[in-house]
Amino acid sequence: MSYAPARRSNPTAWAAFWLGLAGLVLMPIPLFIGLIVGGGLSIIAAVFAVIGLLKGLARGGTGIAPVVFAAIFIALTWGGISLGGGIIW
């Protein structure tokens, strides 16, 4: 009988990745909608990224790549908001 190998994934890191990407895509919506939706998603993604990073480091570095991309998306979202994205028409 053959057993499948254990899945080496980090779902928390992938959640941070997708939430960070959604925040980046939704951030440019004007009239404070992008600020609230995109900024809110990026804050949640930052929390998941920290948790995913800690889980990945506990597994010997497995599953850290989505956290790195999530951090890039989060930084771009916060940078865009600081330049007026989601606020100005």
C-alpha atoms as a PDB file:
ATOM      1  CA  MET A   1       0.000   0.000   0.000  1.00  0.00           C
ATOM      2  CA  SER A   2       1.325   3.407  -0.964  1.00  0.00           C
ATOM      3  CA  TYR A   3       0.896   6.396   1.272  1.00  0.00           C
ATOM      4  CA  ALA A   4       0.759   9.927  -0.057  1.00  0.00           C
ATOM      5  CA  PRO A   5       3.444  12.219   1.353  1.00  0.00           C
ATOM      6  CA  ALA A   6       2.368  14.823   3.862  1.00  0.00           C
ATOM      7  CA  ARG A   7       1.258  18.053   2.280  1.00  0.00           C
ATOM      8  CA  ARG A   8       3.883  20.725   2.893  1.00  0.00           C
ATOM      9  CA  SER A   9       1.799  23.832   2.565  1.00  0.00           C
ATOM     10  CA  ASN A  10       1.278  26.922   4.661  1.00  0.00           C
ATOM     11  CA  PRO A  11      -2.404  27.930   4.370  1.00  0.00           C
ATOM     12  CA  THR A  12      -1.938  30.998   6.565  1.00  0.00           C
ATOM     13  CA  ALA A  13       0.757  32.283   4.215  1.00  0.00           C
ATOM     14  CA  TRP A  14      -1.505  31.713   1.209  1.00  0.00           C
ATOM     15  CA  ALA A  15      -4.339  33.562   2.953  1.00  0.00           C
ATOM     16  CA  ALA A  16      -1.963  36.503   3.481  1.00  0.00           C
ATOM     17  CA  PHE A  17      -0.967  36.341  -0.189  1.00  0.00           C
ATOM     18  CA  TRP A  18      -4.540  36.446  -1.517  1.00  0.00           C
ATOM     19  CA  LEU A  19      -5.751  39.057   0.972  1.00  0.00           C
ATOM     20  CA  GLY A  20      -2.725  41.237   0.203  1.00  0.00           C
ATOM     21  CA  LEU A  21      -3.345  40.927  -3.532  1.00  0.00           C
ATOM     22  CA  ALA A  22      -7.043  41.756  -3.104  1.00  0.00           C
ATOM     23  CA  GLY A  23      -6.135  44.784  -0.991  1.00  0.00           C
ATOM     24  CA  LEU A  24      -3.713  45.998  -3.655  1.00  0.00           C
ATOM     25  CA  VAL A  25      -6.277  45.571  -6.446  1.00  0.00           C
ATOM     26  CA  LEU A  26      -9.097  47.271  -4.514  1.00  0.00           C
ATOM     27  CA  MET A  27      -7.019  50.140  -3.081  1.00  0.00           C
ATOM     28  CA  PRO A  28      -7.376  52.545  -6.093  1.00  0.00           C
ATOM     29  CA  ILE A  29     -11.187  52.752  -5.796  1.00  0.00           C
ATOM     30  CA  PRO A  30     -11.943  56.427  -5.072  1.00  0.00           C
ATOM     31  CA  LEU A  31     -14.070  58.171  -2.435  1.00  0.00           C
ATOM     32  CA  PHE A  32     -12.535  56.393   0.585  1.00  0.00           C
ATOM     33  CA  ILE A  33     -13.897  53.000  -0.550  1.00  0.00           C
ATOM     34  CA  GLY A  34     -10.425  51.824  -1.536  1.00  0.00           C
ATOM     35  CA  LEU A  35      -8.987  53.181   1.691  1.00  0.00           C
ATOM     36  CA  ILE A  36     -11.451  51.241   3.815  1.00  0.00           C
ATOM     37  CA  VAL A  37     -11.664  48.022   1.778  1.00  0.00           C
ATOM     38  CA  GLY A  38      -8.113  47.820   0.434  1.00  0.00           C
ATOM     39  CA  GLY A  39      -6.525  49.142   3.605  1.00  0.00           C
ATOM     40  CA  GLY A  40      -8.594  46.849   5.790  1.00  0.00           C
ATOM     41  CA  LEU A  41      -7.695  43.798   3.735  1.00  0.00           C
ATOM     42  CA  SER A  42      -4.025  44.723   3.824  1.00  0.00           C
ATOM     43  CA  ILE A  43      -4.079  45.007   7.623  1.00  0.00           C
ATOM     44  CA  ILE A  44      -5.673  41.569   7.903  1.00  0.00           C
ATOM     45  CA  ALA A  45      -3.118  40.265   5.393  1.00  0.00           C
ATOM     46  CA  ALA A  46      -0.291  41.681   7.526  1.00  0.00           C
ATOM     47  CA  VAL A  47      -1.557  39.768  10.552  1.00  0.00           C
ATOM     48  CA  PHE A  48      -1.802  36.555   8.524  1.00  0.00           C
ATOM     49  CA  ALA A  49       1.662  37.194   7.058  1.00  0.00           C
ATOM     50  CA  VAL A  50       3.254  37.380  10.500  1.00  0.00           C
ATOM     51  CA  ILE A  51       1.489  34.194  11.596  1.00  0.00           C
ATOM     52  CA  GLY A  52       2.399  32.456   8.321  1.00  0.00           C
ATOM     53  CA  LEU A  53       6.017  33.529   8.660  1.00  0.00           C
ATOM     54  CA  LEU A  54       6.229  32.140  12.182  1.00  0.00           C
ATOM     55  CA  LYS A  55       4.623  28.870  11.068  1.00  0.00           C
ATOM     56  CA  GLY A  56       6.968  28.642   8.094  1.00  0.00           C
ATOM     57  CA  LEU A  57      10.047  29.269  10.214  1.00  0.00           C
ATOM     58  CA  ALA A  58       8.878  26.612  12.685  1.00  0.00           C
ATOM     59  CA  ARG A  59       8.776  24.132   9.761  1.00  0.00           C
ATOM     60  CA  GLY A  60      12.299  24.929   8.684  1.00  0.00           C
ATOM     61  CA  GLY A  61      11.447  27.620   6.140  1.00  0.00           C
ATOM     62  CA  THR A  62       8.745  25.735   4.260  1.00  0.00           C
ATOM     63  CA  GLY A  63       6.029  27.943   2.803  1.00  0.00           C
ATOM     64  CA  ILE A  64       7.634  31.340   3.272  1.00  0.00           C
ATOM     65  CA  ALA A  65       7.461  32.445  -0.386  1.00  0.00           C
ATOM     66  CA  PRO A  66       3.784  33.507  -0.256  1.00  0.00           C
ATOM     67  CA  VAL A  67       4.574  35.585   2.832  1.00  0.00           C
ATOM     68  CA  VAL A  68       7.288  37.455   0.941  1.00  0.00           C
ATOM     69  CA  PHE A  69       4.916  38.270  -1.916  1.00  0.00           C
ATOM     70  CA  ALA A  70       2.191  39.231   0.575  1.00  0.00           C
ATOM     71  CA  ALA A  71       4.622  41.636   2.251  1.00  0.00           C
ATOM     72  CA  ILE A  72       5.336  43.232  -1.134  1.00  0.00           C
ATOM     73  CA  PHE A  73       1.608  43.604  -1.860  1.00  0.00           C
ATOM     74  CA  ILE A  74       1.004  45.074   1.595  1.00  0.00           C
ATOM     75  CA  ALA A  75       3.852  47.572   1.190  1.00  0.00           C
ATOM     76  CA  LEU A  76       2.558  48.640  -2.232  1.00  0.00           C
ATOM     77  CA  THR A  77      -0.964  49.049  -0.846  1.00  0.00           C
ATOM     78  CA  TRP A  78       0.168  51.154   2.097  1.00  0.00           C
ATOM     79  CA  GLY A  79       2.441  53.176  -0.183  1.00  0.00           C
ATOM     80  CA  GLY A  80      -0.438  53.794  -2.570  1.00  0.00           C
ATOM     81  CA  ILE A  81      -2.717  54.864   0.261  1.00  0.00           C
ATOM     82  CA  SER A  82      -0.080  57.257   1.572  1.00  0.00           C
ATOM     83  CA  LEU A  83       0.084  58.835  -1.890  1.00  0.00           C
ATOM     84  CA  GLY A  84      -3.698  59.339  -2.011  1.00  0.00           C
ATOM     85  CA  GLY A  85      -4.947  56.060  -3.444  1.00  0.00           C
ATOM     86  CA  GLY A  86      -8.498  55.265  -2.410  1.00  0.00           C
ATOM     87  CA  ILE A  87      -9.102  58.804  -1.206  1.00  0.00           C
ATOM     88  CA  ILE A  88      -8.823  61.116  -4.198  1.00  0.00           C
ATOM     89  CA  TRP A  89     -10.927  60.732  -7.315  1.00  0.00           C
END
